[in-house]
C-alpha atoms as a PDB file:
ATOM      1  CA  UNK A   1     -14.084  16.037  -1.174  1.00  0.00           C
ATOM      2  CA  UNK A   2     -13.617  12.419  -0.630  1.00  0.00           C
ATOM      3  CA  UNK A   3     -10.560  10.203  -0.509  1.00  0.00           C
ATOM      4  CA  UNK A   4      -9.767   6.819  -1.758  1.00  0.00           C
ATOM      5  CA  UNK A   5      -6.950   5.708   0.316  1.00  0.00           C
ATOM      6  CA  UNK A   6      -4.706   3.336  -1.363  1.00  0.00           C
ATOM      7  CA  UNK A   7      -2.503   2.013   1.789  1.00  0.00           C
ATOM      8  CA  UNK A   8      -2.893   2.494   5.281  1.00  0.00           C
ATOM      9  CA  UNK A   9      -2.590   0.231   8.503  1.00  0.00           C
ATOM     10  CA  UNK A  10      -4.856  -0.288  11.615  1.00  0.00           C
ATOM     11  CA  UNK A  11      -4.342   2.279  14.663  1.00  0.00           C
ATOM     12  CA  UNK A  12      -5.854  -0.483  16.995  1.00  0.00           C
ATOM     13  CA  UNK A  13      -4.146  -2.286  19.274  1.00  0.00           C
ATOM     14  CA  UNK A  14      -4.829  -5.794  17.954  1.00  0.00           C
ATOM     15  CA  UNK A  15      -4.153  -4.780  14.100  1.00  0.00           C
ATOM     16  CA  UNK A  16      -0.555  -3.344  15.444  1.00  0.00           C
ATOM     17  CA  UNK A  17       1.767  -4.116  12.486  1.00  0.00           C
ATOM     18  CA  UNK A  18       5.163  -3.548  14.988  1.00  0.00           C
ATOM     19  CA  UNK A  19       6.109  -6.799  16.303  1.00  0.00           C
ATOM     20  CA  UNK A  20       8.235  -5.687  19.000  1.00  0.00           C
ATOM     21  CA  UNK A  21       8.450  -2.605  21.359  1.00  0.00           C
ATOM     22  CA  UNK A  22      11.615  -1.788  19.723  1.00  0.00           C
ATOM     23  CA  UNK A  23      10.405  -1.677  16.214  1.00  0.00           C
ATOM     24  CA  UNK A  24       7.209   0.748  17.239  1.00  0.00           C
ATOM     25  CA  UNK A  25       9.456   3.097  19.179  1.00  0.00           C
ATOM     26  CA  UNK A  26      11.994   3.423  16.008  1.00  0.00           C
ATOM     27  CA  UNK A  27       8.705   4.035  14.014  1.00  0.00           C
ATOM     28  CA  UNK A  28       7.567   6.687  16.152  1.00  0.00           C
ATOM     29  CA  UNK A  29      11.101   7.991  16.000  1.00  0.00           C
ATOM     30  CA  UNK A  30      11.158   8.484  12.358  1.00  0.00           C
ATOM     31  CA  UNK A  31       8.171   9.720  11.716  1.00  0.00           C
ATOM     32  CA  UNK A  32       7.923  12.154  15.041  1.00  0.00           C
ATOM     33  CA  UNK A  33       4.369  10.810  16.019  1.00  0.00           C
ATOM     34  CA  UNK A  34       3.693   9.163  19.377  1.00  0.00           C
ATOM     35  CA  UNK A  35       1.100   6.025  18.692  1.00  0.00           C
ATOM     36  CA  UNK A  36      -1.762   5.951  20.627  1.00  0.00           C
ATOM     37  CA  UNK A  37      -4.810   3.519  20.018  1.00  0.00           C
ATOM     38  CA  UNK A  38      -7.873   3.559  19.007  1.00  0.00           C
ATOM     39  CA  UNK A  39     -10.929   0.895  19.574  1.00  0.00           C
ATOM     40  CA  UNK A  40     -12.465  -0.439  15.866  1.00  0.00           C
ATOM     41  CA  UNK A  41     -15.199   1.684  16.286  1.00  0.00           C
ATOM     42  CA  UNK A  42     -13.357   4.985  16.763  1.00  0.00           C
ATOM     43  CA  UNK A  43     -10.758   4.100  14.029  1.00  0.00           C
ATOM     44  CA  UNK A  44     -13.668   3.688  11.381  1.00  0.00           C
ATOM     45  CA  UNK A  45     -15.502   6.785  12.646  1.00  0.00           C
ATOM     46  CA  UNK A  46     -12.062   8.267  12.152  1.00  0.00           C
ATOM     47  CA  UNK A  47     -12.268   7.504   8.356  1.00  0.00           C
ATOM     48  CA  UNK A  48     -16.059   8.063   8.285  1.00  0.00           C
ATOM     49  CA  UNK A  49     -15.468  11.760   9.480  1.00  0.00           C
ATOM     50  CA  UNK A  50     -12.805  12.494   6.559  1.00  0.00           C
ATOM     51  CA  UNK A  51     -14.917  10.726   4.074  1.00  0.00           C
ATOM     52  CA  UNK A  52     -11.985   8.300   3.482  1.00  0.00           C
ATOM     53  CA  UNK A  53     -12.320   4.985   2.173  1.00  0.00           C
ATOM     54  CA  UNK A  54      -9.199   2.833   2.245  1.00  0.00           C
ATOM     55  CA  UNK A  55      -7.386  -0.480   1.643  1.00  0.00           C
ATOM     56  CA  UNK A  56      -5.957  -1.666   4.741  1.00  0.00           C
ATOM     57  CA  UNK A  57      -2.425  -3.562   5.325  1.00  0.00           C
ATOM     58  CA  UNK A  58      -2.020  -5.743   8.419  1.00  0.00           C
ATOM     59  CA  UNK A  59       1.397  -6.129   7.254  1.00  0.00           C
ATOM     60  CA  UNK A  60       3.023  -8.313   9.814  1.00  0.00           C
ATOM     61  CA  UNK A  61       2.544 -11.432   7.930  1.00  0.00           C
ATOM     62  CA  UNK A  62       4.862 -11.253   5.763  1.00  0.00           C
ATOM     63  CA  UNK A  63       7.267 -12.143   8.553  1.00  0.00           C
ATOM     64  CA  UNK A  64       4.906 -14.862   9.961  1.00  0.00           C
ATOM     65  CA  UNK A  65       5.338 -18.514   9.483  1.00  0.00           C
ATOM     66  CA  UNK A  66       2.865 -19.964  11.823  1.00  0.00           C
ATOM     67  CA  UNK A  67      -0.426 -20.585   9.802  1.00  0.00           C
ATOM     68  CA  UNK A  68      -3.017 -20.267  12.387  1.00  0.00           C
ATOM     69  CA  UNK A  69      -1.104 -16.763  13.338  1.00  0.00           C
ATOM     70  CA  UNK A  70      -1.220 -16.040   9.890  1.00  0.00           C
ATOM     71  CA  UNK A  71      -5.322 -17.035   9.574  1.00  0.00           C
ATOM     72  CA  UNK A  72      -5.966 -14.802  13.065  1.00  0.00           C
ATOM     73  CA  UNK A  73      -4.706 -11.522  11.125  1.00  0.00           C
ATOM     74  CA  UNK A  74      -6.367 -11.763   7.942  1.00  0.00           C
ATOM     75  CA  UNK A  75      -9.543 -12.714   9.718  1.00  0.00           C
ATOM     76  CA  UNK A  76      -9.161  -9.731  12.094  1.00  0.00           C
ATOM     77  CA  UNK A  77      -8.462  -7.464   9.501  1.00  0.00           C
ATOM     78  CA  UNK A  78     -10.942  -8.883   6.921  1.00  0.00           C
ATOM     79  CA  UNK A  79     -13.533  -8.735   9.803  1.00  0.00           C
ATOM     80  CA  UNK A  80     -13.111  -5.450  10.197  1.00  0.00           C
ATOM     81  CA  UNK A  81     -13.669  -4.633   6.331  1.00  0.00           C
ATOM     82  CA  UNK A  82     -16.936  -6.820   6.374  1.00  0.00           C
ATOM     83  CA  UNK A  83     -18.244  -4.743   9.332  1.00  0.00           C
ATOM     84  CA  UNK A  84     -17.130  -1.308   8.082  1.00  0.00           C
ATOM     85  CA  UNK A  85     -17.609  -1.678   4.223  1.00  0.00           C
ATOM     86  CA  UNK A  86     -18.404   2.159   3.877  1.00  0.00           C
ATOM     87  CA  UNK A  87     -14.750   2.956   4.890  1.00  0.00           C
ATOM     88  CA  UNK A  88     -12.978  -0.366   3.854  1.00  0.00           C
ATOM     89  CA  UNK A  89     -12.631  -1.020   0.158  1.00  0.00           C
ATOM     90  CA  UNK A  90     -10.656  -4.347   1.062  1.00  0.00           C
ATOM     91  CA  UNK A  91      -6.852  -5.265   2.524  1.00  0.00           C
ATOM     92  CA  UNK A  92      -3.662  -6.113   1.032  1.00  0.00           C
ATOM     93  CA  UNK A  93      -2.286  -9.393   1.922  1.00  0.00           C
ATOM     94  CA  UNK A  94       1.242  -9.001   2.858  1.00  0.00           C
ATOM     95  CA  UNK A  95       2.473 -12.768   1.859  1.00  0.00           C
ATOM     96  CA  UNK A  96       5.760 -14.541   2.653  1.00  0.00           C
ATOM     97  CA  UNK A  97       6.371 -16.169  -0.920  1.00  0.00           C
ATOM     98  CA  UNK A  98       8.393 -19.200   0.573  1.00  0.00           C
ATOM     99  CA  UNK A  99       4.871 -20.316   1.920  1.00  0.00           C
ATOM    100  CA  UNK A 100       3.339 -20.138  -1.561  1.00  0.00           C
ATOM    101  CA  UNK A 101       0.899 -23.238  -1.285  1.00  0.00           C
ATOM    102  CA  UNK A 102      -0.370 -21.731   1.892  1.00  0.00           C
ATOM    103  CA  UNK A 103      -1.134 -18.196   0.676  1.00  0.00           C
ATOM    104  CA  UNK A 104      -2.631 -19.172  -2.486  1.00  0.00           C
ATOM    105  CA  UNK A 105      -5.104 -21.180  -0.746  1.00  0.00           C
ATOM    106  CA  UNK A 106      -5.468 -18.381   1.999  1.00  0.00           C
ATOM    107  CA  UNK A 107      -6.371 -15.983  -0.717  1.00  0.00           C
ATOM    108  CA  UNK A 108      -8.772 -18.292  -2.248  1.00  0.00           C
ATOM    109  CA  UNK A 109     -10.249 -19.015   1.508  1.00  0.00           C
ATOM    110  CA  UNK A 110     -10.727 -15.195   2.009  1.00  0.00           C
ATOM    111  CA  UNK A 111     -12.261 -14.080  -1.612  1.00  0.00           C
ATOM    112  CA  UNK A 112     -14.802 -16.533  -0.586  1.00  0.00           C
ATOM    113  CA  UNK A 113     -15.965 -14.801   2.361  1.00  0.00           C
ATOM    114  CA  UNK A 114     -17.146 -11.584   1.041  1.00  0.00           C
ATOM    115  CA  UNK A 115     -14.988  -9.412   2.600  1.00  0.00           C
ATOM    116  CA  UNK A 116     -14.214  -6.905  -0.189  1.00  0.00           C
ATOM    117  CA  UNK A 117     -11.068  -6.668  -2.117  1.00  0.00           C
ATOM    118  CA  UNK A 118      -8.171  -8.929  -1.249  1.00  0.00           C
ATOM    119  CA  UNK A 119      -4.741  -8.028  -3.055  1.00  0.00           C
ATOM    120  CA  UNK A 120      -1.434  -9.251  -2.715  1.00  0.00           C
ATOM    121  CA  UNK A 121       1.121  -6.982  -1.439  1.00  0.00           C
ATOM    122  CA  UNK A 122       4.942  -7.457  -2.177  1.00  0.00           C
ATOM    123  CA  UNK A 123       7.141  -5.818   0.326  1.00  0.00           C
ATOM    124  CA  UNK A 124      10.745  -5.098  -0.776  1.00  0.00           C
ATOM    125  CA  UNK A 125      11.429  -6.457   3.146  1.00  0.00           C
ATOM    126  CA  UNK A 126      10.058 -10.002   2.036  1.00  0.00           C
ATOM    127  CA  UNK A 127      12.737 -11.992   3.048  1.00  0.00           C
ATOM    128  CA  UNK A 128      15.384 -10.945   0.086  1.00  0.00           C
ATOM    129  CA  UNK A 129      12.862 -11.576  -2.592  1.00  0.00           C
ATOM    130  CA  UNK A 130      12.329  -8.507  -4.433  1.00  0.00           C
ATOM    131  CA  UNK A 131       9.387  -8.189  -7.050  1.00  0.00           C
ATOM    132  CA  UNK A 132      11.086  -9.513 -10.328  1.00  0.00           C
ATOM    133  CA  UNK A 133      12.236 -12.634  -8.261  1.00  0.00           C
ATOM    134  CA  UNK A 134      10.215 -15.469 -10.164  1.00  0.00           C
ATOM    135  CA  UNK A 135       9.288 -16.796  -6.486  1.00  0.00           C
ATOM    136  CA  UNK A 136       6.334 -14.433  -6.869  1.00  0.00           C
ATOM    137  CA  UNK A 137       5.276 -15.251 -10.377  1.00  0.00           C
ATOM    138  CA  UNK A 138       2.475 -17.969  -8.954  1.00  0.00           C
ATOM    139  CA  UNK A 139       0.996 -14.751  -6.997  1.00  0.00           C
ATOM    140  CA  UNK A 140       0.799 -12.554  -9.940  1.00  0.00           C
ATOM    141  CA  UNK A 141      -0.743 -15.336 -12.013  1.00  0.00           C
ATOM    142  CA  UNK A 142      -3.381 -15.873  -9.760  1.00  0.00           C
ATOM    143  CA  UNK A 143      -4.091 -12.081  -9.191  1.00  0.00           C
ATOM    144  CA  UNK A 144      -4.227 -12.142 -13.340  1.00  0.00           C
ATOM    145  CA  UNK A 145      -6.867 -14.977 -13.207  1.00  0.00           C
ATOM    146  CA  UNK A 146      -8.326 -12.672 -10.761  1.00  0.00           C
ATOM    147  CA  UNK A 147      -8.391  -9.549 -12.225  1.00  0.00           C
ATOM    148  CA  UNK A 148      -7.194  -7.714  -9.206  1.00  0.00           C
ATOM    149  CA  UNK A 149      -3.865  -5.460  -8.825  1.00  0.00           C
ATOM    150  CA  UNK A 150      -1.136  -6.127  -6.828  1.00  0.00           C
ATOM    151  CA  UNK A 151       0.849  -3.754  -4.682  1.00  0.00           C
ATOM    152  CA  UNK A 152       4.860  -3.646  -5.064  1.00  0.00           C
ATOM    153  CA  UNK A 153       6.683  -1.417  -2.734  1.00  0.00           C
ATOM    154  CA  UNK A 154       9.190   0.860  -3.927  1.00  0.00           C
ATOM    155  CA  UNK A 155      12.153   3.225  -2.373  1.00  0.00           C
ATOM    156  CA  UNK A 156      12.944   3.937   1.196  1.00  0.00           C
ATOM    157  CA  UNK A 157      11.298   2.021   3.993  1.00  0.00           C
ATOM    158  CA  UNK A 158      10.771   2.892   7.706  1.00  0.00           C
ATOM    159  CA  UNK A 159      11.315  -0.535   8.276  1.00  0.00           C
ATOM    160  CA  UNK A 160      14.433  -1.158  10.224  1.00  0.00           C
ATOM    161  CA  UNK A 161      15.443   2.755   9.315  1.00  0.00           C
ATOM    162  CA  UNK A 162      18.588   4.034  11.597  1.00  0.00           C
ATOM    163  CA  UNK A 163      19.005   0.722  13.045  1.00  0.00           C
ATOM    164  CA  UNK A 164      22.373  -1.342  12.969  1.00  0.00           C
ATOM    165  CA  UNK A 165      21.990  -3.198   9.656  1.00  0.00           C
ATOM    166  CA  UNK A 166      18.671  -1.748   8.929  1.00  0.00           C
ATOM    167  CA  UNK A 167      16.935  -5.268  10.306  1.00  0.00           C
ATOM    168  CA  UNK A 168      18.640  -6.408   7.344  1.00  0.00           C
ATOM    169  CA  UNK A 169      16.857  -4.936   4.883  1.00  0.00           C
ATOM    170  CA  UNK A 170      18.286  -4.337   1.399  1.00  0.00           C
ATOM    171  CA  UNK A 171      17.082  -1.084  -0.195  1.00  0.00           C
ATOM    172  CA  UNK A 172      18.052  -1.805  -3.730  1.00  0.00           C
ATOM    173  CA  UNK A 173      15.108  -4.971  -3.352  1.00  0.00           C
ATOM    174  CA  UNK A 174      12.730  -1.674  -3.578  1.00  0.00           C
ATOM    175  CA  UNK A 175      14.202  -0.378  -6.784  1.00  0.00           C
ATOM    176  CA  UNK A 176      11.872   0.453  -9.545  1.00  0.00           C
ATOM    177  CA  UNK A 177      13.864  -1.694 -12.027  1.00  0.00           C
ATOM    178  CA  UNK A 178      11.993  -4.848 -10.228  1.00  0.00           C
ATOM    179  CA  UNK A 179       8.493  -3.172 -10.912  1.00  0.00           C
ATOM    180  CA  UNK A 180       9.568  -2.536 -14.526  1.00  0.00           C
ATOM    181  CA  UNK A 181      10.550  -6.277 -14.869  1.00  0.00           C
ATOM    182  CA  UNK A 182       7.564  -7.599 -13.658  1.00  0.00           C
ATOM    183  CA  UNK A 183       5.548  -5.228 -15.764  1.00  0.00           C
ATOM    184  CA  UNK A 184       6.951  -6.466 -18.862  1.00  0.00           C
ATOM    185  CA  UNK A 185       6.782 -10.278 -17.974  1.00  0.00           C
ATOM    186  CA  UNK A 186       3.367  -9.805 -17.217  1.00  0.00           C
ATOM    187  CA  UNK A 187       1.575  -7.269 -19.174  1.00  0.00           C
ATOM    188  CA  UNK A 188      -1.927  -8.316 -18.085  1.00  0.00           C
ATOM    189  CA  UNK A 189      -0.917  -8.028 -14.823  1.00  0.00           C
ATOM    190  CA  UNK A 190      -2.477  -4.454 -12.949  1.00  0.00           C
ATOM    191  CA  UNK A 191       0.677  -3.005 -10.909  1.00  0.00           C
ATOM    192  CA  UNK A 192       0.419  -0.377  -8.431  1.00  0.00           C
ATOM    193  CA  UNK A 193       3.994   0.763  -7.362  1.00  0.00           C
ATOM    194  CA  UNK A 194       3.802   2.095  -3.414  1.00  0.00           C
ATOM    195  CA  UNK A 195       5.739   4.719  -2.068  1.00  0.00           C
ATOM    196  CA  UNK A 196       7.166   7.691  -3.750  1.00  0.00           C
ATOM    197  CA  UNK A 197      10.247   5.201  -4.847  1.00  0.00           C
ATOM    198  CA  UNK A 198      13.019   7.515  -3.211  1.00  0.00           C
ATOM    199  CA  UNK A 199      15.525   8.090  -4.062  1.00  0.00           C
ATOM    200  CA  UNK A 200      14.888   6.717  -7.547  1.00  0.00           C
ATOM    201  CA  UNK A 201      11.886   8.894  -7.967  1.00  0.00           C
ATOM    202  CA  UNK A 202      13.144   9.452 -12.225  1.00  0.00           C
ATOM    203  CA  UNK A 203      13.345   5.980 -12.850  1.00  0.00           C
ATOM    204  CA  UNK A 204       9.918   5.472 -11.239  1.00  0.00           C
ATOM    205  CA  UNK A 205       8.583   8.281 -13.610  1.00  0.00           C
ATOM    206  CA  UNK A 206      10.324   6.675 -16.525  1.00  0.00           C
ATOM    207  CA  UNK A 207       8.503   3.022 -16.022  1.00  0.00           C
ATOM    208  CA  UNK A 208       5.021   4.781 -15.591  1.00  0.00           C
ATOM    209  CA  UNK A 209       5.605   6.506 -18.873  1.00  0.00           C
ATOM    210  CA  UNK A 210       6.503   3.358 -20.452  1.00  0.00           C
ATOM    211  CA  UNK A 211       4.687   0.469 -18.880  1.00  0.00           C
ATOM    212  CA  UNK A 212       0.740   0.985 -19.355  1.00  0.00           C
ATOM    213  CA  UNK A 213      -0.204  -1.669 -16.595  1.00  0.00           C
ATOM    214  CA  UNK A 214       1.633   0.336 -14.143  1.00  0.00           C
ATOM    215  CA  UNK A 215      -0.097   2.741 -11.555  1.00  0.00           C
ATOM    216  CA  UNK A 216       1.697   4.765  -8.571  1.00  0.00           C
ATOM    217  CA  UNK A 217       0.345   5.479  -4.735  1.00  0.00           C
ATOM    218  CA  UNK A 218       2.207   7.887  -2.808  1.00  0.00           C
ATOM    219  CA  UNK A 219       1.662   6.738   1.040  1.00  0.00           C
ATOM    220  CA  UNK A 220       3.985   7.119   3.420  1.00  0.00           C
ATOM    221  CA  UNK A 221       5.232  10.705   2.541  1.00  0.00           C
ATOM    222  CA  UNK A 222       4.402  14.114   2.401  1.00  0.00           C
ATOM    223  CA  UNK A 223       4.343  15.517  -1.009  1.00  0.00           C
ATOM    224  CA  UNK A 224       6.430  18.439  -0.136  1.00  0.00           C
ATOM    225  CA  UNK A 225       9.398  16.047  -0.244  1.00  0.00           C
ATOM    226  CA  UNK A 226       8.862  14.904  -3.673  1.00  0.00           C
ATOM    227  CA  UNK A 227      11.290  15.931  -6.203  1.00  0.00           C
ATOM    228  CA  UNK A 228      10.563  18.949  -8.325  1.00  0.00           C
ATOM    229  CA  UNK A 229      10.281  16.295 -11.424  1.00  0.00           C
ATOM    230  CA  UNK A 230       7.643  14.306  -9.479  1.00  0.00           C
ATOM    231  CA  UNK A 231       5.670  17.076  -8.537  1.00  0.00           C
ATOM    232  CA  UNK A 232       5.533  18.426 -11.929  1.00  0.00           C
ATOM    233  CA  UNK A 233       4.509  15.000 -13.536  1.00  0.00           C
ATOM    234  CA  UNK A 234       1.559  14.806 -11.274  1.00  0.00           C
ATOM    235  CA  UNK A 235       0.051  17.653 -12.503  1.00  0.00           C
ATOM    236  CA  UNK A 236       1.018  16.727 -15.996  1.00  0.00           C
ATOM    237  CA  UNK A 237       1.859  13.530 -18.044  1.00  0.00           C
ATOM    238  CA  UNK A 238       0.755  11.403 -14.889  1.00  0.00           C
ATOM    239  CA  UNK A 239      -2.430  13.078 -13.479  1.00  0.00           C
ATOM    240  CA  UNK A 240      -4.066  10.188 -14.507  1.00  0.00           C
ATOM    241  CA  UNK A 241      -1.470   7.484 -13.218  1.00  0.00           C
ATOM    242  CA  UNK A 242      -1.186   8.857  -9.301  1.00  0.00           C
ATOM    243  CA  UNK A 243      -2.958   8.136  -6.334  1.00  0.00           C
ATOM    244  CA  UNK A 244      -3.515   9.254  -2.713  1.00  0.00           C
ATOM    245  CA  UNK A 245      -2.345   7.013   0.041  1.00  0.00           C
ATOM    246  CA  UNK A 246      -2.625   8.255   3.556  1.00  0.00           C
ATOM    247  CA  UNK A 247      -0.289   5.850   5.491  1.00  0.00           C
ATOM    248  CA  UNK A 248      -2.618   6.265   8.664  1.00  0.00           C
ATOM    249  CA  UNK A 249      -1.537   6.304  11.737  1.00  0.00           C
ATOM    250  CA  UNK A 250       1.537   6.824  10.630  1.00  0.00           C
ATOM    251  CA  UNK A 251       0.376  10.487   9.081  1.00  0.00           C
ATOM    252  CA  UNK A 252      -2.691  12.733   9.864  1.00  0.00           C
ATOM    253  CA  UNK A 253      -5.184  12.869   7.361  1.00  0.00           C
ATOM    254  CA  UNK A 254      -5.452  16.736   7.813  1.00  0.00           C
ATOM    255  CA  UNK A 255      -1.508  17.415   7.523  1.00  0.00           C
ATOM    256  CA  UNK A 256      -1.443  15.432   4.467  1.00  0.00           C
ATOM    257  CA  UNK A 257      -4.149  17.137   2.691  1.00  0.00           C
ATOM    258  CA  UNK A 258      -2.659  20.348   3.721  1.00  0.00           C
ATOM    259  CA  UNK A 259       0.636  19.610   2.133  1.00  0.00           C
ATOM    260  CA  UNK A 260      -0.951  18.239  -0.992  1.00  0.00           C
ATOM    261  CA  UNK A 261      -2.991  21.433  -1.398  1.00  0.00           C
ATOM    262  CA  UNK A 262       0.076  23.709  -0.753  1.00  0.00           C
ATOM    263  CA  UNK A 263       1.323  22.263  -4.364  1.00  0.00           C
ATOM    264  CA  UNK A 264      -1.336  24.241  -6.203  1.00  0.00           C
ATOM    265  CA  UNK A 265      -2.642  21.706  -8.267  1.00  0.00           C
ATOM    266  CA  UNK A 266      -6.056  22.273 -10.108  1.00  0.00           C
ATOM    267  CA  UNK A 267      -9.103  21.110  -8.615  1.00  0.00           C
ATOM    268  CA  UNK A 268      -9.546  18.287 -11.790  1.00  0.00           C
ATOM    269  CA  UNK A 269      -5.827  17.169 -10.752  1.00  0.00           C
ATOM    270  CA  UNK A 270      -6.890  16.750  -7.151  1.00  0.00           C
ATOM    271  CA  UNK A 271      -9.997  14.938  -7.477  1.00  0.00           C
ATOM    272  CA  UNK A 272      -7.872  12.623  -9.648  1.00  0.00           C
ATOM    273  CA  UNK A 273      -5.274  11.912  -7.489  1.00  0.00           C
ATOM    274  CA  UNK A 274      -7.612  11.764  -4.356  1.00  0.00           C
ATOM    275  CA  UNK A 275     -10.134   9.405  -5.569  1.00  0.00           C
ATOM    276  CA  UNK A 276     -11.096   9.129  -9.299  1.00  0.00           C
ATOM    277  CA  UNK A 277      -7.788   7.318 -10.687  1.00  0.00           C
ATOM    278  CA  UNK A 278      -8.383   4.664  -7.831  1.00  0.00           C
ATOM    279  CA  UNK A 279     -12.095   4.190  -8.409  1.00  0.00           C
ATOM    280  CA  UNK A 280     -11.311   3.687 -12.045  1.00  0.00           C
ATOM    281  CA  UNK A 281      -8.449   1.535 -11.045  1.00  0.00           C
ATOM    282  CA  UNK A 282      -9.619  -1.167  -8.613  1.00  0.00           C
ATOM    283  CA  UNK A 283     -12.920  -3.172  -9.778  1.00  0.00           C
ATOM    284  CA  UNK A 284     -16.153  -1.626  -8.077  1.00  0.00           C
ATOM    285  CA  UNK A 285     -14.356   1.108  -5.948  1.00  0.00           C
ATOM    286  CA  UNK A 286     -16.553   3.661  -7.822  1.00  0.00           C
ATOM    287  CA  UNK A 287     -19.910   4.702  -5.902  1.00  0.00           C
ATOM    288  CA  UNK A 288     -23.050   3.176  -7.250  1.00  0.00           C
END
């Protein structure tokens, strides 16, 4: 089995997406996994050994305001993608929408460097601008012109979880209703909803059944915690709409695949979830 991973992070020290030691410690507490760092070569070899091709998210850039710092983070991520094309399909760009002019130019700069796929990731943590806020419209219009998907985060996030005030994150900004609004407003936009949208998984199912331009990737959670309705739909009506997300280094590949296998789907459904649906969705992702 091969795997197309729609969303993971760097396990290198230079690619760490937590900006403070407190944030890193909180993530280790939530996911009950101590973070260890790898070299770039070790990280790539780990993906290679597991037959994983990934879209990586350096993520920390949504809180950055220094343009040179953002460019350096993006260059690190895209450089890794160029050096390891067999295991990295491309990168999600976590943008601060207030810096619209910079980010639209930055997208063009990166796209011209032959670094693989680049697409915008709208995090629900993005400074109180949910996906349906018109501030994102220029990013969606550019994505339509470039014929590339966007990633819109849904549901509970580990960022700020268990901390006073949740680091200012308002969970309602990740409600799937915002994905529904964007999909209706931009029917030509290819939308990938990220995370299982808990506790609104039934709402997300309804949107997937209603909006043909929306797909669903399920990083960050073991499937054993999915609701019974979602588990049923993955093997039924949504088997062509759901994609695998690893969320390395938060979760190990072995644990995640074992938990998926424990749900007892047919081999055809597993092929669709693990790689076929994503390779059909992302431009040029299927092996030649």
